[in-house]
Amino acid sequence: MGRLAGFSYREVTRKISKLGFEFYRSAKGDHEIWIDRTNNLKTTIPHHREIKEGTLRAILRQAKIDVDDFLNI
């Protein structure tokens, strides 16, 4: 298991909201669009109990958030 394994939906959304993202709208199925209006960035987050490590890495890459910044929040 890597450093990004085992994060829940609630933990992920709490951390990215501290990094400037806010809920924008619901998407297809159980997914949500989150947006950072200052940097004009969007990311899609699945509303699952636990977010897999690869999925979380993709979310952070799409949001242009460094892994260390995410972990240190």
N, C-alpha and C. Protein backbone atom coordinates (compact mmCIF):
# COMPACT_ATOMS: atom_id res chain seq x y z
N MET A 1 0.83 -1.18 0.00
CA MET A 1 0.00 0.00 0.00
C MET A 1 0.88 1.24 0.00
N GLY A 2 0.49 2.20 -0.82
CA GLY A 2 1.26 3.42 -0.94
C GLY A 2 0.80 4.50 0.02
N ARG A 3 1.38 5.66 -0.16
CA ARG A 3 1.06 6.78 0.73
C ARG A 3 -0.35 7.29 0.56
N LEU A 4 -0.96 7.06 -0.60
CA LEU A 4 -2.30 7.60 -0.87
C LEU A 4 -3.40 6.56 -0.70
N ALA A 5 -3.08 5.43 -0.16
CA ALA A 5 -4.08 4.38 0.01
C ALA A 5 -4.90 4.62 1.27
N GLY A 6 -6.18 4.28 1.21
CA GLY A 6 -7.03 4.29 2.40
C GLY A 6 -7.71 5.60 2.73
N PHE A 7 -7.75 6.55 1.80
CA PHE A 7 -8.43 7.82 2.07
C PHE A 7 -9.92 7.68 1.74
N SER A 8 -10.75 8.21 2.61
CA SER A 8 -12.19 8.18 2.37
C SER A 8 -12.59 9.41 1.53
N TYR A 9 -13.79 9.36 1.00
CA TYR A 9 -14.33 10.49 0.24
C TYR A 9 -14.31 11.75 1.09
N ARG A 10 -14.73 11.62 2.33
CA ARG A 10 -14.82 12.77 3.23
C ARG A 10 -13.44 13.41 3.48
N GLU A 11 -12.43 12.56 3.67
CA GLU A 11 -11.07 13.08 3.90
C GLU A 11 -10.54 13.80 2.66
N VAL A 12 -10.78 13.22 1.49
CA VAL A 12 -10.30 13.81 0.25
C VAL A 12 -10.96 15.16 0.01
N THR A 13 -12.26 15.24 0.17
CA THR A 13 -12.95 16.50 -0.09
C THR A 13 -12.58 17.56 0.94
N ARG A 14 -12.34 17.16 2.18
CA ARG A 14 -11.91 18.11 3.20
C ARG A 14 -10.54 18.69 2.85
N LYS A 15 -9.64 17.84 2.39
CA LYS A 15 -8.29 18.30 2.06
C LYS A 15 -8.28 19.18 0.81
N ILE A 16 -9.01 18.79 -0.24
CA ILE A 16 -8.96 19.63 -1.44
C ILE A 16 -9.72 20.94 -1.25
N SER A 17 -10.70 20.95 -0.36
CA SER A 17 -11.38 22.22 -0.11
C SER A 17 -10.44 23.18 0.62
N LYS A 18 -9.56 22.66 1.45
CA LYS A 18 -8.55 23.50 2.10
C LYS A 18 -7.53 24.03 1.09
N LEU A 19 -7.40 23.33 -0.04
CA LEU A 19 -6.47 23.75 -1.10
C LEU A 19 -7.15 24.65 -2.14
N GLY A 20 -8.39 25.08 -1.88
CA GLY A 20 -9.04 26.05 -2.74
C GLY A 20 -10.16 25.54 -3.63
N PHE A 21 -10.45 24.25 -3.57
CA PHE A 21 -11.52 23.69 -4.40
C PHE A 21 -12.85 23.76 -3.66
N GLU A 22 -13.93 23.83 -4.44
CA GLU A 22 -15.27 23.82 -3.87
C GLU A 22 -16.17 22.97 -4.75
N PHE A 23 -17.22 22.43 -4.13
CA PHE A 23 -18.18 21.62 -4.88
C PHE A 23 -18.82 22.47 -5.96
N TYR A 24 -18.87 21.94 -7.19
CA TYR A 24 -19.45 22.67 -8.31
C TYR A 24 -20.81 22.09 -8.70
N ARG A 25 -20.83 20.77 -8.97
CA ARG A 25 -22.09 20.13 -9.33
C ARG A 25 -21.94 18.62 -9.29
N SER A 26 -23.09 17.95 -9.30
CA SER A 26 -23.09 16.50 -9.39
C SER A 26 -22.85 16.10 -10.84
N ALA A 27 -22.25 14.96 -11.02
CA ALA A 27 -22.00 14.44 -12.36
C ALA A 27 -22.74 13.12 -12.50
N LYS A 28 -22.43 12.40 -13.52
CA LYS A 28 -23.11 11.14 -13.80
C LYS A 28 -22.84 10.11 -12.70
N GLY A 29 -23.88 9.42 -12.28
CA GLY A 29 -23.73 8.40 -11.26
C GLY A 29 -23.42 9.00 -9.90
N ASP A 30 -22.40 8.46 -9.26
CA ASP A 30 -22.04 8.93 -7.92
C ASP A 30 -20.78 9.80 -7.95
N HIS A 31 -20.58 10.55 -9.00
CA HIS A 31 -19.42 11.41 -9.14
C HIS A 31 -19.81 12.87 -8.94
N GLU A 32 -18.81 13.67 -8.54
CA GLU A 32 -19.02 15.10 -8.33
C GLU A 32 -17.90 15.88 -9.03
N ILE A 33 -18.23 17.06 -9.49
CA ILE A 33 -17.25 17.97 -10.08
C ILE A 33 -16.89 19.00 -9.02
N TRP A 34 -15.60 19.17 -8.77
CA TRP A 34 -15.09 20.17 -7.85
C TRP A 34 -14.26 21.16 -8.66
N ILE A 35 -14.31 22.43 -8.29
CA ILE A 35 -13.68 23.47 -9.09
C ILE A 35 -12.85 24.40 -8.21
N ASP A 36 -11.74 24.86 -8.76
CA ASP A 36 -10.90 25.89 -8.14
C ASP A 36 -11.03 27.11 -9.05
N ARG A 37 -11.84 28.07 -8.63
CA ARG A 37 -12.14 29.22 -9.48
C ARG A 37 -10.94 30.15 -9.67
N THR A 38 -10.02 30.20 -8.72
CA THR A 38 -8.88 31.11 -8.86
C THR A 38 -7.91 30.62 -9.93
N ASN A 39 -7.75 29.30 -10.06
CA ASN A 39 -6.83 28.75 -11.06
C ASN A 39 -7.55 28.14 -12.26
N ASN A 40 -8.89 28.21 -12.26
CA ASN A 40 -9.72 27.68 -13.34
C ASN A 40 -9.43 26.19 -13.59
N LEU A 41 -9.44 25.40 -12.50
CA LEU A 41 -9.19 23.97 -12.59
C LEU A 41 -10.43 23.21 -12.15
N LYS A 42 -10.67 22.05 -12.77
CA LYS A 42 -11.77 21.17 -12.38
C LYS A 42 -11.23 19.78 -12.15
N THR A 43 -11.87 19.05 -11.26
CA THR A 43 -11.56 17.65 -11.04
C THR A 43 -12.84 16.90 -10.69
N THR A 44 -12.85 15.63 -11.02
CA THR A 44 -14.01 14.78 -10.75
C THR A 44 -13.66 13.85 -9.60
N ILE A 45 -14.53 13.78 -8.62
CA ILE A 45 -14.30 12.93 -7.44
C ILE A 45 -15.46 11.96 -7.30
N PRO A 46 -15.16 10.66 -7.24
CA PRO A 46 -16.24 9.69 -7.02
C PRO A 46 -16.68 9.71 -5.56
N HIS A 47 -17.97 9.60 -5.33
CA HIS A 47 -18.49 9.61 -3.96
C HIS A 47 -18.56 8.16 -3.47
N HIS A 48 -17.37 7.58 -3.22
CA HIS A 48 -17.25 6.22 -2.71
C HIS A 48 -16.80 6.26 -1.27
N ARG A 49 -17.00 5.18 -0.55
CA ARG A 49 -16.54 5.14 0.85
C ARG A 49 -15.03 5.31 0.92
N GLU A 50 -14.30 4.55 0.12
CA GLU A 50 -12.86 4.64 0.08
C GLU A 50 -12.42 4.84 -1.36
N ILE A 51 -11.53 5.79 -1.57
CA ILE A 51 -11.04 6.09 -2.92
C ILE A 51 -9.72 5.36 -3.11
N LYS A 52 -9.62 4.59 -4.17
CA LYS A 52 -8.42 3.81 -4.44
C LYS A 52 -7.24 4.74 -4.73
N GLU A 53 -6.04 4.21 -4.50
CA GLU A 53 -4.83 5.01 -4.64
C GLU A 53 -4.65 5.55 -6.06
N GLY A 54 -4.86 4.73 -7.07
CA GLY A 54 -4.72 5.17 -8.46
C GLY A 54 -5.73 6.25 -8.82
N THR A 55 -6.93 6.11 -8.33
CA THR A 55 -7.97 7.11 -8.57
C THR A 55 -7.61 8.42 -7.91
N LEU A 56 -7.11 8.36 -6.68
CA LEU A 56 -6.72 9.58 -5.97
C LEU A 56 -5.55 10.26 -6.67
N ARG A 57 -4.59 9.48 -7.18
CA ARG A 57 -3.48 10.07 -7.93
C ARG A 57 -3.99 10.80 -9.18
N ALA A 58 -4.97 10.21 -9.85
CA ALA A 58 -5.55 10.84 -11.03
C ALA A 58 -6.28 12.13 -10.67
N ILE A 59 -6.98 12.13 -9.55
CA ILE A 59 -7.68 13.33 -9.07
C ILE A 59 -6.67 14.44 -8.81
N LEU A 60 -5.60 14.11 -8.11
CA LEU A 60 -4.58 15.11 -7.79
C LEU A 60 -3.88 15.62 -9.03
N ARG A 61 -3.62 14.73 -9.98
CA ARG A 61 -2.98 15.14 -11.24
C ARG A 61 -3.89 16.09 -12.01
N GLN A 62 -5.17 15.77 -12.07
CA GLN A 62 -6.14 16.61 -12.78
C GLN A 62 -6.27 17.97 -12.11
N ALA A 63 -6.17 18.00 -10.78
CA ALA A 63 -6.31 19.25 -10.03
C ALA A 63 -4.99 20.00 -9.88
N LYS A 64 -3.90 19.40 -10.40
CA LYS A 64 -2.56 19.99 -10.30
C LYS A 64 -2.17 20.24 -8.84
N ILE A 65 -2.44 19.23 -8.00
CA ILE A 65 -2.08 19.27 -6.58
C ILE A 65 -0.93 18.29 -6.36
N ASP A 66 0.14 18.76 -5.76
CA ASP A 66 1.28 17.91 -5.44
C ASP A 66 0.89 16.92 -4.34
N VAL A 67 1.37 15.69 -4.43
CA VAL A 67 1.04 14.67 -3.45
C VAL A 67 1.46 15.09 -2.04
N ASP A 68 2.65 15.67 -1.92
CA ASP A 68 3.13 16.10 -0.60
C ASP A 68 2.26 17.21 -0.03
N ASP A 69 1.81 18.15 -0.88
CA ASP A 69 0.90 19.20 -0.41
C ASP A 69 -0.40 18.60 0.10
N PHE A 70 -0.92 17.61 -0.62
CA PHE A 70 -2.16 16.95 -0.21
C PHE A 70 -1.99 16.23 1.12
N LEU A 71 -0.88 15.54 1.29
CA LEU A 71 -0.66 14.78 2.52
C LEU A 71 -0.38 15.66 3.72
N ASN A 72 0.20 16.84 3.50
CA ASN A 72 0.57 17.73 4.60
C ASN A 72 -0.54 18.66 5.04
N ILE A 73 -1.67 18.64 4.38
CA ILE A 73 -2.81 19.49 4.76
C ILE A 73 -3.53 18.83 5.90
